[in-house]
C-alpha atoms as a PDB file:
ATOM      1  CA  MET A   1     124.556  88.745  84.938  1.00  0.00           C
ATOM      2  CA  SER A   2     127.129  91.723  85.773  1.00  0.00           C
ATOM      3  CA  LEU A   3     126.797  94.838  83.523  1.00  0.00           C
ATOM      4  CA  SER A   4     130.191  96.076  82.641  1.00  0.00           C
ATOM      5  CA  PRO A   5     129.217 100.027  82.956  1.00  0.00           C
ATOM      6  CA  ASP A   6     132.341 101.397  80.651  1.00  0.00           C
ATOM      7  CA  PHE A   7     133.319 104.310  81.925  1.00  0.00           C
ATOM      8  CA  SER A   8     137.195 104.588  80.050  1.00  0.00           C
ATOM      9  CA  LYS A   9     135.667 108.648  79.033  1.00  0.00           C
ATOM     10  CA  GLY A  10     134.764 108.998  82.548  1.00  0.00           C
ATOM     11  CA  LEU A  11     131.544 110.306  83.729  1.00  0.00           C
ATOM     12  CA  ILE A  12     128.231 108.079  82.293  1.00  0.00           C
ATOM     13  CA  PRO A  13     124.643 110.075  82.419  1.00  0.00           C
ATOM     14  CA  ALA A  14     121.570 107.639  84.644  1.00  0.00           C
ATOM     15  CA  VAL A  15     119.100 108.192  83.938  1.00  0.00           C
ATOM     16  CA  ILE A  16     116.510 107.637  86.987  1.00  0.00           C
ATOM     17  CA  GLN A  17     112.707 106.224  86.388  1.00  0.00           C
ATOM     18  CA  ASP A  18     110.570 105.195  88.701  1.00  0.00           C
ATOM     19  CA  ALA A  19     109.808 101.196  88.548  1.00  0.00           C
ATOM     20  CA  SER A  20     106.469 101.767  88.779  1.00  0.00           C
ATOM     21  CA  THR A  21     105.151 104.787  87.468  1.00  0.00           C
ATOM     22  CA  LEU A  22     108.138 104.482  84.413  1.00  0.00           C
ATOM     23  CA  GLN A  23     108.172 108.590  84.607  1.00  0.00           C
ATOM     24  CA  VAL A  24     111.335 109.906  84.167  1.00  0.00           C
ATOM     25  CA  LEU A  25     112.172 111.276  86.646  1.00  0.00           C
ATOM     26  CA  MET A  26     115.618 112.989  86.668  1.00  0.00           C
ATOM     27  CA  LEU A  27     118.634 112.722  85.289  1.00  0.00           C
ATOM     28  CA  GLY A  28     122.572 112.524  87.377  1.00  0.00           C
ATOM     29  CA  TYR A  29     126.224 110.905  86.240  1.00  0.00           C
ATOM     30  CA  MET A  30     128.303 108.304  88.010  1.00  0.00           C
ATOM     31  CA  ASN A  31     131.883 107.476  87.354  1.00  0.00           C
ATOM     32  CA  GLU A  32     133.344 103.803  88.790  1.00  0.00           C
ATOM     33  CA  GLU A  33     133.024 104.489  92.310  1.00  0.00           C
ATOM     34  CA  ALA A  34     129.429 106.128  92.317  1.00  0.00           C
ATOM     35  CA  TYR A  35     128.364 102.852  89.559  1.00  0.00           C
ATOM     36  CA  LEU A  36     130.473 100.529  92.702  1.00  0.00           C
ATOM     37  CA  LYS A  37     128.375 102.247  95.491  1.00  0.00           C
ATOM     38  CA  THR A  38     124.650 102.513  94.602  1.00  0.00           C
ATOM     39  CA  GLN A  39     125.498  98.488  93.646  1.00  0.00           C
ATOM     40  CA  ALA A  40     126.576  97.972  97.076  1.00  0.00           C
ATOM     41  CA  ASP A  41     123.675 100.388  98.794  1.00  0.00           C
ATOM     42  CA  GLN A  42     121.309  99.905  96.925  1.00  0.00           C
ATOM     43  CA  ILE A  43     120.196 104.082  96.830  1.00  0.00           C
ATOM     44  CA  VAL A  44     121.472 105.787  93.993  1.00  0.00           C
ATOM     45  CA  THR A  45     124.566 107.511  93.989  1.00  0.00           C
ATOM     46  CA  PHE A  46     125.634 109.975  91.148  1.00  0.00           C
ATOM     47  CA  TYR A  47     129.333 111.815  91.040  1.00  0.00           C
ATOM     48  CA  SER A  48     128.214 115.559  91.313  1.00  0.00           C
ATOM     49  CA  ARG A  49     130.368 117.305  88.803  1.00  0.00           C
ATOM     50  CA  SER A  50     129.714 120.842  91.059  1.00  0.00           C
ATOM     51  CA  LYS A  51     130.542 119.465  94.082  1.00  0.00           C
ATOM     52  CA  GLU A  52     132.961 117.454  92.471  1.00  0.00           C
ATOM     53  CA  ARG A  53     132.774 114.080  95.024  1.00  0.00           C
ATOM     54  CA  LEU A  54     130.413 111.340  95.253  1.00  0.00           C
ATOM     55  CA  TRP A  55     126.171 112.405  96.193  1.00  0.00           C
ATOM     56  CA  THR A  56     124.328 110.112  97.107  1.00  0.00           C
ATOM     57  CA  LYS A  57     120.466 111.445  96.506  1.00  0.00           C
ATOM     58  CA  GLY A  58     118.772 112.060  99.643  1.00  0.00           C
ATOM     59  CA  GLU A  59     121.747 113.018 101.566  1.00  0.00           C
ATOM     60  CA  THR A  60     119.743 116.003 102.807  1.00  0.00           C
ATOM     61  CA  SER A  61     116.416 116.015 101.351  1.00  0.00           C
ATOM     62  CA  GLY A  62     116.352 112.732 102.796  1.00  0.00           C
ATOM     63  CA  ASN A  63     114.608 112.041  99.092  1.00  0.00           C
ATOM     64  CA  PHE A  64     116.190 108.901  98.558  1.00  0.00           C
ATOM     65  CA  LEU A  65     116.534 106.869  95.300  1.00  0.00           C
ATOM     66  CA  HIS A  66     115.386 102.916  95.953  1.00  0.00           C
ATOM     67  CA  VAL A  67     117.445 100.575  93.624  1.00  0.00           C
ATOM     68  CA  LYS A  68     115.492  98.134  91.672  1.00  0.00           C
ATOM     69  CA  ASN A  69     117.230  97.549  88.484  1.00  0.00           C
ATOM     70  CA  ILE A  70     119.850  98.938  86.617  1.00  0.00           C
ATOM     71  CA  LEU A  71     120.389  98.479  82.733  1.00  0.00           C
ATOM     72  CA  LEU A  72     123.358  98.812  80.369  1.00  0.00           C
ATOM     73  CA  ASP A  73     122.401 100.984  77.067  1.00  0.00           C
ATOM     74  CA  CYS A  74     123.548  98.567  74.110  1.00  0.00           C
ATOM     75  CA  ASP A  75     127.132 100.977  74.504  1.00  0.00           C
ATOM     76  CA  ASN A  76     127.568 100.109  77.485  1.00  0.00           C
ATOM     77  CA  ASP A  77     127.850 103.731  78.496  1.00  0.00           C
ATOM     78  CA  THR A  78     123.917 104.861  79.802  1.00  0.00           C
ATOM     79  CA  LEU A  79     123.043 103.201  82.343  1.00  0.00           C
ATOM     80  CA  LEU A  80     118.402 103.460  82.712  1.00  0.00           C
ATOM     81  CA  ILE A  81     118.168 102.766  86.806  1.00  0.00           C
ATOM     82  CA  GLN A  82     114.560 101.722  87.993  1.00  0.00           C
ATOM     83  CA  VAL A  83     113.530 102.953  91.839  1.00  0.00           C
ATOM     84  CA  ASN A  84     111.330 103.703  94.366  1.00  0.00           C
ATOM     85  CA  PRO A  85     111.513 106.828  95.084  1.00  0.00           C
ATOM     86  CA  VAL A  86     111.328 108.829  98.819  1.00  0.00           C
ATOM     87  CA  GLY A  87     109.759 112.128  97.913  1.00  0.00           C
ATOM     88  CA  PRO A  88     110.320 114.514  94.623  1.00  0.00           C
ATOM     89  CA  ALA A  89     113.400 113.466  93.179  1.00  0.00           C
ATOM     90  CA  CYS A  90     113.710 117.196  92.222  1.00  0.00           C
ATOM     91  CA  HIS A  91     115.140 119.794  94.653  1.00  0.00           C
ATOM     92  CA  THR A  92     113.046 122.680  93.382  1.00  0.00           C
ATOM     93  CA  GLY A  93     110.423 119.885  95.305  1.00  0.00           C
ATOM     94  CA  ALA A  94     109.000 118.536  92.185  1.00  0.00           C
ATOM     95  CA  ASP A  95     108.022 115.253  91.367  1.00  0.00           C
ATOM     96  CA  THR A  96     110.531 114.385  88.387  1.00  0.00           C
ATOM     97  CA  CYS A  97     113.651 117.443  87.583  1.00  0.00           C
ATOM     98  CA  PHE A  98     111.390 117.594  83.902  1.00  0.00           C
ATOM     99  CA  ASN A  99     108.837 119.622  85.577  1.00  0.00           C
ATOM    100  CA  THR A 100     106.123 116.395  85.246  1.00  0.00           C
ATOM    101  CA  SER A 101     103.705 115.051  87.563  1.00  0.00           C
ATOM    102  CA  ASN A 102     104.706 111.398  88.655  1.00  0.00           C
ATOM    103  CA  GLN A 103     101.271 110.721  89.141  1.00  0.00           C
ATOM    104  CA  ASP A 104     100.126 108.458  86.288  1.00  0.00           C
ATOM    105  CA  ASN A 105     100.104 104.633  88.211  1.00  0.00           C
ATOM    106  CA  ALA A 106      98.349 103.349  85.242  1.00  0.00           C
ATOM    107  CA  ALA A 107     101.294 101.851  84.992  1.00  0.00           C
ATOM    108  CA  TRP A 108     101.639 100.000  88.208  1.00  0.00           C
ATOM    109  CA  LEU A 109      99.801  97.282  86.155  1.00  0.00           C
ATOM    110  CA  ASP A 110     102.616  96.032  84.688  1.00  0.00           C
ATOM    111  CA  TYR A 111     104.349  96.077  87.894  1.00  0.00           C
ATOM    112  CA  LEU A 112     102.039  94.408  89.295  1.00  0.00           C
ATOM    113  CA  LYS A 113     101.687  91.920  86.120  1.00  0.00           C
ATOM    114  CA  HIS A 114     105.398  90.717  86.993  1.00  0.00           C
ATOM    115  CA  ILE A 115     104.706  89.985  90.872  1.00  0.00           C
ATOM    116  CA  ILE A 116     101.823  88.280  89.909  1.00  0.00           C
ATOM    117  CA  ARG A 117     104.010  86.329  86.723  1.00  0.00           C
ATOM    118  CA  SER A 118     106.864  85.619  89.768  1.00  0.00           C
ATOM    119  CA  ARG A 119     104.005  83.623  92.020  1.00  0.00           C
ATOM    120  CA  LYS A 120     102.161  81.631  89.272  1.00  0.00           C
ATOM    121  CA  GLY A 121     104.993  78.722  89.950  1.00  0.00           C
ATOM    122  CA  ALA A 122     105.264  79.323  93.744  1.00  0.00           C
ATOM    123  CA  SER A 123     103.609  76.950  95.916  1.00  0.00           C
ATOM    124  CA  ALA A 124     100.423  77.445  97.424  1.00  0.00           C
ATOM    125  CA  ASP A 125     101.493  78.441 100.646  1.00  0.00           C
ATOM    126  CA  THR A 126     103.910  81.358 100.227  1.00  0.00           C
ATOM    127  CA  SER A 127     101.075  83.979  99.064  1.00  0.00           C
ATOM    128  CA  TYR A 128      96.934  83.871  97.769  1.00  0.00           C
ATOM    129  CA  THR A 129      98.205  84.187  94.218  1.00  0.00           C
ATOM    130  CA  ALA A 130     100.152  81.632  94.311  1.00  0.00           C
ATOM    131  CA  SER A 131      96.968  79.983  95.805  1.00  0.00           C
ATOM    132  CA  LEU A 132      95.049  80.971  93.148  1.00  0.00           C
ATOM    133  CA  PHE A 133      97.877  79.575  90.399  1.00  0.00           C
ATOM    134  CA  GLN A 134      97.969  76.052  92.293  1.00  0.00           C
ATOM    135  CA  LYS A 135      94.126  75.407  92.185  1.00  0.00           C
ATOM    136  CA  GLY A 136      93.407  75.646  88.489  1.00  0.00           C
ATOM    137  CA  THR A 137      92.337  77.776  85.997  1.00  0.00           C
ATOM    138  CA  ASN A 138      88.160  77.255  86.608  1.00  0.00           C
ATOM    139  CA  LYS A 139      88.847  77.846  89.573  1.00  0.00           C
ATOM    140  CA  VAL A 140      90.682  81.211  88.882  1.00  0.00           C
ATOM    141  CA  ALA A 141      87.711  82.258  85.754  1.00  0.00           C
ATOM    142  CA  GLN A 142      84.644  81.910  88.990  1.00  0.00           C
ATOM    143  CA  LYS A 143      86.792  84.285  91.212  1.00  0.00           C
ATOM    144  CA  VAL A 144      87.208  86.301  88.013  1.00  0.00           C
ATOM    145  CA  GLY A 145      83.121  85.769  87.142  1.00  0.00           C
ATOM    146  CA  GLU A 146      82.327  86.778  91.178  1.00  0.00           C
ATOM    147  CA  GLU A 147      83.953  89.749  91.033  1.00  0.00           C
ATOM    148  CA  ALA A 148      82.687  90.598  88.266  1.00  0.00           C
ATOM    149  CA  VAL A 149      79.198  90.634  89.837  1.00  0.00           C
ATOM    150  CA  GLU A 150      79.877  91.961  93.552  1.00  0.00           C
ATOM    151  CA  LEU A 151      81.323  95.406  91.145  1.00  0.00           C
ATOM    152  CA  VAL A 152      78.074  95.833  89.186  1.00  0.00           C
ATOM    153  CA  ILE A 153      76.168  94.821  92.540  1.00  0.00           C
ATOM    154  CA  GLU A 154      78.086  97.979  94.242  1.00  0.00           C
ATOM    155  CA  ALA A 155      77.209 100.038  90.706  1.00  0.00           C
ATOM    156  CA  MET A 156      74.528 100.779  91.366  1.00  0.00           C
ATOM    157  CA  SER A 157      74.195 100.738  95.255  1.00  0.00           C
ATOM    158  CA  ASN A 158      76.329 104.808  94.604  1.00  0.00           C
ATOM    159  CA  ASN A 159      79.223 103.679  97.417  1.00  0.00           C
ATOM    160  CA  ASP A 160      82.300 104.830  95.971  1.00  0.00           C
ATOM    161  CA  GLU A 161      84.435 102.973  98.350  1.00  0.00           C
ATOM    162  CA  LEU A 162      82.737  99.639  98.070  1.00  0.00           C
ATOM    163  CA  PHE A 163      82.367  99.575  94.424  1.00  0.00           C
ATOM    164  CA  LYS A 164      86.679 101.570  94.070  1.00  0.00           C
ATOM    165  CA  GLY A 165      87.063  97.757  95.971  1.00  0.00           C
ATOM    166  CA  GLU A 166      85.044  95.677  93.804  1.00  0.00           C
ATOM    167  CA  ALA A 167      86.766  97.221  91.099  1.00  0.00           C
ATOM    168  CA  ALA A 168      90.018  96.457  92.218  1.00  0.00           C
ATOM    169  CA  ASP A 169      89.303  92.422  93.363  1.00  0.00           C
ATOM    170  CA  LEU A 170      87.836  92.425  89.630  1.00  0.00           C
ATOM    171  CA  ILE A 171      91.408  93.220  87.525  1.00  0.00           C
ATOM    172  CA  PHE A 172      93.817  91.679  89.996  1.00  0.00           C
ATOM    173  CA  HIS A 173      91.721  88.470  89.526  1.00  0.00           C
ATOM    174  CA  LEU A 174      91.711  89.409  85.685  1.00  0.00           C
ATOM    175  CA  LEU A 175      95.660  90.336  85.314  1.00  0.00           C
ATOM    176  CA  VAL A 176      95.351  86.852  88.041  1.00  0.00           C
ATOM    177  CA  LEU A 177      93.614  84.836  85.057  1.00  0.00           C
ATOM    178  CA  LEU A 178      95.324  86.050  81.959  1.00  0.00           C
ATOM    179  CA  GLU A 179      98.885  85.165  83.467  1.00  0.00           C
ATOM    180  CA  ASP A 180      97.566  81.404  84.324  1.00  0.00           C
ATOM    181  CA  ARG A 181      96.178  81.507  80.666  1.00  0.00           C
ATOM    182  CA  GLY A 182     100.098  82.888  79.384  1.00  0.00           C
ATOM    183  CA  ILE A 183      98.415  85.420  78.232  1.00  0.00           C
ATOM    184  CA  GLY A 184      99.743  88.988  79.272  1.00  0.00           C
ATOM    185  CA  LEU A 185      98.284  91.828  80.165  1.00  0.00           C
ATOM    186  CA  GLU A 186     100.825  93.428  77.799  1.00  0.00           C
ATOM    187  CA  LYS A 187      98.726  91.155  75.310  1.00  0.00           C
ATOM    188  CA  ILE A 188      95.670  92.132  76.197  1.00  0.00           C
ATOM    189  CA  VAL A 189      97.415  96.224  75.325  1.00  0.00           C
ATOM    190  CA  ALA A 190      98.803  95.505  71.846  1.00  0.00           C
ATOM    191  CA  LEU A 191      95.020  94.756  71.270  1.00  0.00           C
ATOM    192  CA  LEU A 192      93.275  97.637  72.175  1.00  0.00           C
ATOM    193  CA  LYS A 193      95.975  99.552  70.758  1.00  0.00           C
ATOM    194  CA  GLU A 194      95.181  97.590  67.794  1.00  0.00           C
ATOM    195  CA  ARG A 195      91.892  97.999  67.920  1.00  0.00           C
ATOM    196  CA  HIS A 196      92.117 101.757  68.841  1.00  0.00           C
ATOM    197  CA  ASN A 197      93.821 102.843  65.231  1.00  0.00           C
ATOM    198  CA  LYS A 198      91.061 101.195  63.536  1.00  0.00           C
END
């Protein structure tokens, strides 16, 4: 779907969000030229009100904002641009212009969920994930069981690196099983929230 931002009143705000952590990194402004350049280059370019010219974020620091997705609000006058940032977003060296940390990587599981979901119908030879889906629910469930047992074994061995590796394997295979069953991670999170509120 082609977006049609309304630039009739001049500059429009562009909220910049990390595509993996979902943290808001900064706010900038775009005119139509900056928007078109951002789309074409897939690197965020603003219209700088102080410099009175187009300004590509990172042009001097190297801290570019690589575009993953562009969303337009309901009034067509505000952009949400999801990015993969290179380095800190703020000119002060902070992770964000709001002086918050961009290290909350638990939200990355939602990103991983979407990657897994996209591979559900793919050919088995395209990825390990696609091959798991092709083997069916029983095989995926078996992998979850195997990884759970391996995690328990590593929990007893006091080797943190092996334990973390098995925990990652278990979470990954559990996400695959959830998608295989058509029950996305978001439904499990909703259930956990419901239980927490009781």
